[in-house]
Amino acid sequence: MRRKHLVAIVVVIFLTWNFLMYYMLVSKNPGKLGSISVEDQLKILQGDIRHQLSHNSELLQHLRKFREQKLSEELDRKIHQTTTPVPYDANRFILPILLIACDRTTVSRSLDLLIKYRPNKNKFPIIVSQDCGHKPTADVIQRYVMEHDIKHIKHPNISDIHLPWPQKKFQGYYKLSRHYRWALNQVFHTFNHSAVVIVEDDLDISPDFYEYFSATFPILHQDPSLWCVSAWNDNGKLDMVSDDAELLYRSDFFPGLGWMMEKSTWLEIGPKWPDAFWDDWMRHPDQRRGRACIRPEICRTSTFGKKGVSKGLFYEKHLKFIKLNSKFVPFTQKDLSYLLKDKYDTYFTKLVKDTPEVTVAEAMSGHRSNMKALKILYSTKDEYKSTAKKLGIMDDFKAGVPRVAYNGVVSFMYRGQRIYLSPPPGWKGYNIKWS
């Protein structure tokens, strides 16, 4: 109602302004106008009209900025308001799986696992959105349409995107972003779903993939300080995670690689969706708006796609070593309300604060291996990157946020011991200049 009221005020102001301008134009200097020719009168009126149109345009710009500011303030208020858990029936919602495909005939590997572990085809409909127009891949997908009742939609625009020479090498990223925009519009506007889990055609999934998203969806739905749930841990290599498959965290870093969001989020970000590099775009403060994602200790997806638009970037050194969870965790039977912001922040802040502080050299020496967890502080970008490299975790930042970080803290395992790589007390927030 507040938004409709604001729009009504804008319309009334605009119409009133134009009426006053019209009155001023027709009544301005009537004696003078009568003493000159009709042609000169028209020129004078034309000049006045142009002048007033310029003023009208400026007024509209100010009104638009005012409206956008009010909407932004309202969104921020909703995001940061205190949350209270409410009962939610997990059996009532439908959670479609959107599989983004292109020209990999090995999409069958992803589909086989999605179908194998799917507990209910009505609750978890599978939609395969294909780009590229690759017929062999389309033929593979069609077999699943006939045998397993999945949907196969095809991106209607497979044309090349004309880019200047320096950007031509990134055409794949532009096409992928274009495809994502179209596919998500189909899910939310054509099929009218209220949420979606997005995977790509080079992902394996864990046996409890559906269970994980079913259980975390009510938390995502209740807590406006969350905007996604991801199956991915960027530091999820075999020797960097514990054996506890139940561990879940909040993260300020958008992980992707098998992730869930609600329609309300798409209505917010969809209209301004970027032309390329959509995942890094989502990590920018303008999109994240201080919100977090839920992520697991042990990944619920892993990638077998060595080559793609990223040309195998990070695959040989990192991605192929990611551990995929093999245990079924009955998440829907567990109380996950500890992931709600108020509870989680209180618990996590105290946990890190009470953990003994050591230097990176002490942690690597093993002299404190009797301790359950250790804390290493960092104060600068270079200090963080140096420590991360020594301990083997990913050392890069996106919009100033380290991978998997929450309130600046990165949690991982090192030689069987929990490590918290943490900013010092009095931390002021992420520095977007850190990259």
Protein backbone atom coordinates (compact mmCIF):
# COMPACT_ATOMS: atom_id res chain seq x y z
CA MET A 1 0.00 0.00 0.00
CA ARG A 2 2.87 2.39 0.78
CA ARG A 3 4.29 1.85 -2.72
CA LYS A 4 0.90 2.54 -4.40
CA HIS A 5 0.48 5.67 -2.28
CA LEU A 6 3.92 6.94 -3.34
CA VAL A 7 3.18 6.32 -7.03
CA ALA A 8 -0.14 8.19 -6.70
CA ILE A 9 1.63 11.19 -5.18
CA VAL A 10 4.16 11.21 -8.03
CA VAL A 11 1.37 11.14 -10.66
CA VAL A 12 -0.59 13.96 -8.98
CA ILE A 13 2.52 16.16 -8.70
CA PHE A 14 3.41 15.52 -12.34
CA LEU A 15 -0.08 16.32 -13.67
CA THR A 16 -0.38 19.44 -11.48
CA TRP A 17 2.98 20.71 -12.66
CA ASN A 18 2.08 20.26 -16.34
CA PHE A 19 -1.29 22.01 -15.86
CA LEU A 20 0.41 25.01 -14.27
CA MET A 21 3.00 25.16 -17.03
CA TYR A 22 0.28 25.08 -19.68
CA TYR A 23 -1.59 27.91 -17.95
CA MET A 24 1.59 30.00 -17.73
CA LEU A 25 2.41 29.45 -21.40
CA VAL A 26 -0.95 30.50 -22.76
CA SER A 27 -1.29 33.51 -20.45
CA LYS A 28 2.31 34.78 -20.56
CA ASN A 29 2.68 38.34 -21.96
CA PRO A 30 -0.58 38.38 -23.98
CA GLY A 31 -0.04 42.00 -25.08
CA LYS A 32 3.41 41.30 -26.38
CA LEU A 33 2.27 38.22 -28.28
CA GLY A 34 -0.44 40.21 -29.97
CA SER A 35 2.06 42.71 -31.42
CA ILE A 36 4.22 40.15 -33.25
CA SER A 37 3.59 37.78 -36.09
CA VAL A 38 2.01 34.33 -35.64
CA GLU A 39 5.26 32.68 -36.79
CA ASP A 40 7.26 34.51 -34.11
CA GLN A 41 4.63 33.67 -31.51
CA LEU A 42 4.96 29.98 -32.40
CA LYS A 43 8.74 30.17 -32.07
CA ILE A 44 8.42 31.79 -28.64
CA LEU A 45 5.90 29.15 -27.53
CA GLN A 46 8.09 26.37 -28.93
CA GLY A 47 11.08 27.64 -26.96
CA ASP A 48 9.02 27.91 -23.78
CA ILE A 49 7.66 24.38 -24.26
CA ARG A 50 11.16 22.96 -24.70
CA HIS A 51 12.27 24.79 -21.59
CA GLN A 52 9.36 23.43 -19.55
CA LEU A 53 9.85 19.89 -20.90
CA SER A 54 13.45 20.06 -19.69
CA HIS A 55 12.22 21.10 -16.25
CA ASN A 56 9.62 18.31 -16.30
CA SER A 57 12.31 15.76 -17.15
CA GLU A 58 14.44 16.94 -14.22
CA LEU A 59 11.44 16.74 -11.91
CA LEU A 60 10.69 13.17 -12.99
CA GLN A 61 14.31 12.18 -12.40
CA HIS A 62 14.15 13.59 -8.86
CA LEU A 63 10.87 11.79 -8.22
CA ARG A 64 12.29 8.49 -9.50
CA LYS A 65 15.36 8.84 -7.25
CA PHE A 66 13.08 9.61 -4.30
CA ARG A 67 10.95 6.54 -5.00
CA GLU A 68 14.01 4.28 -5.41
CA GLN A 69 15.47 5.58 -2.16
CA LYS A 70 12.25 4.86 -0.27
CA LEU A 71 12.01 1.35 -1.76
CA SER A 72 15.65 0.70 -0.88
CA GLU A 73 15.10 1.87 2.71
CA GLU A 74 12.05 -0.37 3.00
CA LEU A 75 14.00 -3.38 1.68
CA ASP A 76 16.88 -2.72 4.09
CA ARG A 77 14.43 -2.52 6.97
CA LYS A 78 12.93 -5.89 6.06
CA ILE A 79 16.37 -7.48 5.66
CA HIS A 80 17.66 -6.37 9.06
CA GLN A 81 14.53 -6.73 11.13
CA THR A 82 14.52 -9.22 14.01
CA THR A 83 13.29 -12.67 12.95
CA THR A 84 11.13 -15.08 14.91
CA PRO A 85 10.74 -18.74 13.87
CA VAL A 86 7.24 -19.68 12.78
CA PRO A 87 5.82 -23.15 12.09
CA TYR A 88 6.18 -24.21 8.48
CA ASP A 89 4.93 -27.38 6.82
CA ALA A 90 7.80 -28.65 4.65
CA ASN A 91 5.45 -30.97 2.78
CA ARG A 92 3.36 -28.15 1.34
CA PHE A 93 5.84 -26.49 -0.99
CA ILE A 94 6.97 -27.51 -4.47
CA LEU A 95 10.69 -27.08 -5.07
CA PRO A 96 11.59 -27.37 -8.77
CA ILE A 97 15.10 -28.25 -9.90
CA LEU A 98 16.33 -26.07 -12.78
CA LEU A 99 19.17 -27.74 -14.68
CA ILE A 100 21.09 -25.35 -16.94
CA ALA A 101 22.35 -27.23 -20.02
CA CYS A 102 24.12 -26.42 -23.27
CA ASP A 103 26.17 -28.82 -25.38
CA ARG A 104 27.27 -31.57 -22.97
CA THR A 105 25.77 -34.95 -23.80
CA THR A 106 27.07 -35.97 -20.38
CA VAL A 107 24.07 -34.10 -18.98
CA SER A 108 22.79 -37.66 -18.62
CA ARG A 109 25.16 -38.14 -15.68
CA SER A 110 23.58 -35.22 -13.82
CA LEU A 111 20.05 -36.29 -14.73
CA ASP A 112 20.64 -39.89 -13.64
CA LEU A 113 21.57 -38.76 -10.13
CA LEU A 114 18.79 -36.17 -9.92
CA ILE A 115 16.27 -38.89 -10.78
CA LYS A 116 17.94 -41.59 -8.65
CA TYR A 117 17.81 -39.56 -5.42
CA ARG A 118 14.54 -37.71 -6.07
CA PRO A 119 12.03 -38.79 -3.40
CA ASN A 120 8.95 -37.34 -5.09
CA LYS A 121 8.61 -36.16 -8.69
CA ASN A 122 5.59 -33.99 -7.90
CA LYS A 123 7.32 -32.13 -5.10
CA PHE A 124 10.59 -31.85 -7.05
CA PRO A 125 9.79 -31.37 -10.76
CA ILE A 126 12.88 -31.22 -12.95
CA ILE A 127 13.14 -28.53 -15.62
CA VAL A 128 16.05 -28.73 -18.06
CA SER A 129 16.73 -25.42 -19.79
CA GLN A 130 18.97 -25.86 -22.82
CA ASP A 131 20.96 -23.19 -24.61
CA CYS A 132 23.28 -23.55 -27.66
CA GLY A 133 20.88 -25.51 -29.89
CA HIS A 134 23.09 -28.63 -29.72
CA LYS A 135 20.99 -31.48 -31.18
CA PRO A 136 22.92 -34.46 -29.70
CA THR A 137 22.42 -32.97 -26.23
CA ALA A 138 18.77 -32.23 -26.98
CA ASP A 139 18.27 -35.86 -28.04
CA VAL A 140 19.73 -37.08 -24.74
CA ILE A 141 17.43 -34.78 -22.74
CA GLN A 142 14.39 -35.87 -24.74
CA ARG A 143 14.89 -39.48 -23.64
CA TYR A 144 14.41 -38.34 -20.05
CA VAL A 145 11.36 -36.30 -21.00
CA MET A 146 9.67 -39.45 -22.28
CA GLU A 147 10.87 -41.85 -19.58
CA HIS A 148 10.86 -39.69 -16.44
CA ASP A 149 8.37 -36.90 -17.13
CA ILE A 150 10.80 -33.98 -16.91
CA LYS A 151 10.36 -30.65 -18.72
CA HIS A 152 12.73 -29.65 -21.51
CA ILE A 153 12.70 -25.96 -22.46
CA LYS A 154 14.96 -24.39 -25.06
CA HIS A 155 16.37 -20.90 -25.02
CA PRO A 156 14.94 -19.22 -28.14
CA ASN A 157 17.91 -16.86 -28.60
CA ILE A 158 21.13 -18.73 -29.41
CA SER A 159 22.66 -15.98 -31.53
CA ASP A 160 26.17 -14.68 -30.98
CA ILE A 161 26.56 -11.58 -28.87
CA HIS A 162 28.49 -8.83 -30.63
CA LEU A 163 31.28 -7.62 -28.37
CA PRO A 164 34.28 -5.34 -28.91
CA TRP A 165 37.59 -7.12 -29.46
CA PRO A 166 38.88 -7.15 -25.85
CA GLN A 167 35.62 -8.75 -24.60
CA LYS A 168 35.14 -11.31 -27.38
CA LYS A 169 36.91 -14.02 -25.39
CA PHE A 170 34.21 -13.65 -22.72
CA GLN A 171 31.28 -14.34 -25.06
CA GLY A 172 30.55 -17.61 -23.23
CA TYR A 173 29.97 -15.69 -20.00
CA TYR A 174 27.61 -13.30 -21.78
CA LYS A 175 25.60 -16.17 -23.26
CA LEU A 176 25.44 -17.96 -19.92
CA SER A 177 24.12 -14.88 -18.16
CA ARG A 178 21.55 -14.34 -20.93
CA HIS A 179 20.45 -17.95 -20.58
CA TYR A 180 20.14 -17.72 -16.79
CA ARG A 181 17.93 -14.63 -17.09
CA TRP A 182 15.59 -16.33 -19.55
CA ALA A 183 15.46 -19.65 -17.69
CA LEU A 184 14.73 -18.08 -14.31
CA ASN A 185 12.00 -15.94 -15.85
CA GLN A 186 10.46 -19.15 -17.17
CA VAL A 187 10.56 -20.79 -13.75
CA PHE A 188 9.10 -17.87 -11.84
CA HIS A 189 6.84 -16.17 -14.39
CA THR A 190 5.80 -18.86 -16.87
CA PHE A 191 5.60 -21.83 -14.48
CA ASN A 192 4.86 -19.57 -11.49
CA HIS A 193 6.99 -21.41 -8.93
CA SER A 194 7.78 -19.73 -5.61
CA ALA A 195 11.35 -21.04 -5.26
CA VAL A 196 13.95 -22.94 -7.27
CA VAL A 197 17.13 -25.00 -6.87
CA ILE A 198 19.58 -24.28 -9.69
CA VAL A 199 22.18 -26.79 -10.90
CA GLU A 200 24.28 -27.04 -14.04
CA ASP A 201 24.92 -29.94 -16.41
CA ASP A 202 28.32 -30.87 -14.92
CA LEU A 203 27.31 -31.47 -11.30
CA ASP A 204 27.03 -34.67 -9.29
CA ILE A 205 24.76 -34.54 -6.24
CA SER A 206 24.84 -36.24 -2.85
CA PRO A 207 22.25 -38.79 -1.65
CA ASP A 208 20.76 -36.19 0.71
CA PHE A 209 20.69 -33.34 -1.84
CA TYR A 210 16.87 -33.09 -1.79
CA GLU A 211 16.73 -33.58 1.97
CA TYR A 212 19.18 -30.73 2.50
CA PHE A 213 17.22 -28.22 0.42
CA SER A 214 13.86 -29.39 1.82
CA ALA A 215 15.02 -28.75 5.38
CA THR A 216 16.72 -25.41 4.75
CA PHE A 217 13.92 -23.92 2.64
CA PRO A 218 11.75 -23.01 5.69
CA ILE A 219 14.76 -21.24 7.24
CA LEU A 220 15.37 -19.29 4.03
CA HIS A 221 11.68 -18.45 3.87
CA GLN A 222 11.52 -17.21 7.50
CA ASP A 223 14.73 -15.20 7.72
CA PRO A 224 14.99 -12.07 5.54
CA SER A 225 18.71 -11.80 6.38
CA LEU A 226 19.22 -14.90 4.19
CA TRP A 227 18.92 -14.81 0.42
CA CYS A 228 20.15 -18.23 -0.70
CA VAL A 229 21.04 -21.76 0.32
CA SER A 230 24.01 -23.37 -1.41
CA ALA A 231 25.18 -26.97 -1.63
CA TRP A 232 28.80 -25.78 -2.00
CA ASN A 233 31.78 -25.13 0.27
CA ASP A 234 34.61 -23.37 -1.59
CA ASN A 235 37.13 -24.84 0.85
CA GLY A 236 35.51 -28.26 0.76
CA LYS A 237 38.55 -30.36 -0.15
CA LEU A 238 38.89 -33.77 1.49
CA ASP A 239 41.51 -32.68 4.07
CA MET A 240 39.85 -29.32 4.85
CA VAL A 241 36.48 -30.56 6.12
CA SER A 242 35.50 -32.58 9.18
CA ASP A 243 33.66 -35.89 9.02
CA ASP A 244 30.54 -34.30 10.49
CA ALA A 245 28.12 -34.23 7.58
CA GLU A 246 25.48 -32.44 9.69
CA LEU A 247 27.45 -29.20 10.05
CA LEU A 248 25.82 -26.19 8.37
CA TYR A 249 26.94 -22.54 8.41
CA ARG A 250 25.92 -19.05 7.42
CA SER A 251 28.18 -17.38 4.84
CA ASP A 252 28.44 -13.83 3.50
CA PHE A 253 30.04 -15.22 0.34
CA PHE A 254 27.65 -16.34 -2.43
CA PRO A 255 28.86 -19.89 -3.25
CA GLY A 256 26.67 -20.97 -6.19
CA LEU A 257 27.22 -24.46 -7.68
CA GLY A 258 23.85 -25.87 -6.67
CA TRP A 259 21.84 -23.17 -4.92
CA MET A 260 18.31 -22.17 -3.96
CA MET A 261 16.48 -18.85 -3.92
CA GLU A 262 12.91 -17.63 -3.63
CA LYS A 263 10.81 -15.82 -6.21
CA SER A 264 10.88 -12.63 -4.11
CA THR A 265 14.65 -12.48 -4.57
CA TRP A 266 14.35 -12.91 -8.33
CA LEU A 267 11.75 -10.14 -8.51
CA GLU A 268 14.35 -7.92 -6.84
CA ILE A 269 17.47 -8.85 -8.86
CA GLY A 270 15.98 -10.13 -12.12
CA PRO A 271 15.16 -6.71 -13.63
CA LYS A 272 18.79 -5.59 -13.21
CA TRP A 273 20.40 -8.92 -14.12
CA PRO A 274 23.90 -8.38 -15.59
CA ASP A 275 25.03 -9.06 -19.15
CA ALA A 276 27.90 -11.28 -17.97
CA PHE A 277 29.65 -12.71 -14.90
CA TRP A 278 26.37 -13.06 -13.02
CA ASP A 279 27.87 -14.91 -10.02
CA ASP A 280 30.45 -12.22 -9.23
CA TRP A 281 27.74 -9.60 -9.77
CA MET A 282 25.66 -11.28 -7.06
CA ARG A 283 28.60 -11.00 -4.67
CA HIS A 284 28.63 -7.22 -4.91
CA PRO A 285 27.21 -5.28 -1.92
CA ASP A 286 24.57 -3.66 -4.14
CA GLN A 287 22.99 -7.07 -4.64
CA ARG A 288 23.87 -8.87 -1.42
CA ARG A 289 22.69 -6.01 0.82
CA GLY A 290 24.26 -7.57 3.91
CA ARG A 291 22.43 -10.86 3.43
CA ALA A 292 23.95 -14.29 3.90
CA CYS A 293 23.61 -17.80 2.48
CA ILE A 294 23.47 -21.17 4.20
CA ARG A 295 26.27 -23.54 3.18
CA PRO A 296 27.37 -27.02 4.34
CA GLU A 297 30.63 -28.26 5.82
CA ILE A 298 30.73 -31.08 3.26
CA CYS A 299 29.55 -30.26 -0.27
CA ARG A 300 26.25 -31.65 -1.55
CA THR A 301 27.45 -31.13 -5.14
CA SER A 302 30.72 -31.69 -6.98
CA THR A 303 31.69 -30.84 -10.53
CA PHE A 304 32.95 -33.19 -13.22
CA GLY A 305 33.02 -30.46 -15.89
CA LYS A 306 36.70 -29.83 -16.50
CA LYS A 307 35.98 -27.62 -19.50
CA GLY A 308 33.33 -24.95 -19.82
CA VAL A 309 33.10 -21.20 -20.20
CA SER A 310 35.86 -20.88 -17.58
CA LYS A 311 38.19 -23.10 -19.68
CA GLY A 312 38.94 -25.37 -16.73
CA LEU A 313 39.95 -22.53 -14.40
CA PHE A 314 40.74 -23.94 -10.93
CA TYR A 315 39.63 -27.46 -11.90
CA GLU A 316 42.98 -29.30 -11.82
CA LYS A 317 44.26 -27.46 -8.75
CA HIS A 318 41.07 -27.26 -6.78
CA LEU A 319 37.65 -28.35 -8.00
CA LYS A 320 38.42 -32.00 -8.67
CA PHE A 321 39.54 -32.43 -5.03
CA ILE A 322 36.23 -31.28 -3.54
CA LYS A 323 34.67 -33.90 -1.27
CA LEU A 324 31.09 -34.91 -2.11
CA ASN A 325 29.02 -36.03 0.86
CA SER A 326 28.15 -39.72 0.76
CA LYS A 327 26.09 -40.00 3.96
CA PHE A 328 22.35 -39.40 4.16
CA VAL A 329 21.58 -36.85 6.85
CA PRO A 330 17.85 -36.65 7.80
CA PHE A 331 17.89 -32.86 7.96
CA THR A 332 14.08 -32.53 7.88
CA GLN A 333 13.95 -34.34 11.23
CA LYS A 334 16.38 -31.90 12.85
CA ASP A 335 15.90 -28.45 14.35
CA LEU A 336 17.76 -26.04 12.09
CA SER A 337 16.50 -22.88 13.77
CA TYR A 338 20.06 -22.26 15.03
CA LEU A 339 20.77 -20.96 11.50
CA LEU A 340 18.43 -18.01 12.02
CA LYS A 341 20.47 -14.84 12.37
CA ASP A 342 19.76 -13.94 15.99
CA LYS A 343 20.64 -17.39 17.32
CA TYR A 344 23.54 -18.02 14.98
CA ASP A 345 25.30 -14.70 15.53
CA THR A 346 25.19 -15.06 19.31
CA TYR A 347 26.54 -18.60 19.18
CA PHE A 348 29.16 -18.10 16.46
CA THR A 349 30.55 -14.86 17.88
CA LYS A 350 31.08 -16.43 21.30
CA LEU A 351 32.57 -19.59 19.77
CA VAL A 352 35.23 -17.67 17.85
CA LYS A 353 35.90 -15.28 20.74
CA ASP A 354 36.53 -18.16 23.17
CA THR A 355 38.84 -20.05 20.79
CA PRO A 356 42.57 -19.80 21.72
CA GLU A 357 44.55 -17.43 19.52
CA VAL A 358 47.80 -18.60 17.88
CA THR A 359 50.12 -17.52 15.07
CA VAL A 360 50.05 -19.30 11.73
CA ALA A 361 53.47 -20.79 12.54
CA GLU A 362 52.15 -22.24 15.82
CA ALA A 363 49.12 -23.72 14.06
CA MET A 364 51.29 -25.35 11.41
CA SER A 365 53.77 -26.71 13.94
CA GLY A 366 51.22 -29.01 15.54
CA HIS A 367 52.30 -28.01 19.07
CA ARG A 368 48.69 -27.14 19.94
CA SER A 369 47.14 -30.18 18.28
CA ASN A 370 45.51 -31.16 21.59
CA MET A 371 43.14 -28.21 21.23
CA LYS A 372 39.81 -28.73 19.48
CA ALA A 373 40.07 -25.43 17.60
CA LEU A 374 42.50 -22.56 17.08
CA LYS A 375 42.08 -18.95 15.98
CA ILE A 376 44.47 -17.02 13.71
CA LEU A 377 43.98 -13.28 13.31
CA TYR A 378 44.47 -11.21 10.15
CA SER A 379 44.30 -7.42 9.81
CA THR A 380 45.25 -6.72 6.19
CA LYS A 381 44.55 -8.17 2.77
CA ASP A 382 48.15 -9.31 2.32
CA GLU A 383 48.15 -10.89 5.76
CA TYR A 384 45.03 -12.86 4.93
CA LYS A 385 46.32 -14.01 1.54
CA SER A 386 49.68 -15.07 2.99
CA THR A 387 48.04 -17.10 5.78
CA ALA A 388 45.50 -18.66 3.41
CA LYS A 389 48.22 -19.83 1.03
CA LYS A 390 50.24 -21.38 3.87
CA LEU A 391 47.21 -23.28 5.14
CA GLY A 392 45.98 -24.33 1.68
CA ILE A 393 42.60 -22.60 1.50
CA MET A 394 41.47 -20.33 -1.35
CA ASP A 395 42.98 -16.89 -0.85
CA ASP A 396 40.93 -14.67 -3.16
CA PHE A 397 38.23 -12.10 -2.40
CA LYS A 398 35.06 -11.11 -4.23
CA ALA A 399 33.88 -7.58 -3.45
CA GLY A 400 36.12 -7.73 -0.38
CA VAL A 401 34.62 -10.97 1.02
CA PRO A 402 36.88 -14.04 1.46
CA ARG A 403 35.36 -17.30 0.28
CA VAL A 404 33.01 -18.93 2.86
CA ALA A 405 33.53 -16.03 5.32
CA TYR A 406 30.89 -14.99 7.81
CA ASN A 407 31.45 -11.72 9.70
CA GLY A 408 34.97 -11.91 8.31
CA VAL A 409 35.66 -15.35 9.82
CA VAL A 410 36.69 -18.29 7.62
CA SER A 411 36.23 -21.75 9.17
CA PHE A 412 38.05 -24.86 7.88
CA MET A 413 40.05 -27.91 8.99
CA TYR A 414 43.84 -28.10 9.01
CA ARG A 415 45.45 -31.46 9.79
CA GLY A 416 42.36 -32.58 11.63
CA GLN A 417 42.00 -29.39 13.69
CA ARG A 418 39.40 -26.65 13.35
CA ILE A 419 40.88 -23.28 12.37
CA TYR A 420 39.11 -19.92 12.48
CA LEU A 421 40.88 -17.34 10.34
CA SER A 422 39.42 -14.22 11.89
CA PRO A 423 39.66 -10.42 11.79
CA PRO A 424 40.63 -8.76 15.09
CA PRO A 425 38.12 -7.50 17.69
CA GLY A 426 36.40 -4.30 16.59
CA TRP A 427 36.17 -5.42 12.96
CA LYS A 428 34.40 -2.73 10.90
CA GLY A 429 33.18 -4.86 8.01
CA TYR A 430 34.40 -5.94 4.58
CA ASN A 431 36.61 -3.66 2.51
CA ILE A 432 35.37 -3.77 -1.07
CA LYS A 433 38.84 -2.68 -2.25
CA TRP A 434 40.30 -6.02 -1.15
CA SER A 435 40.52 -8.17 -4.26
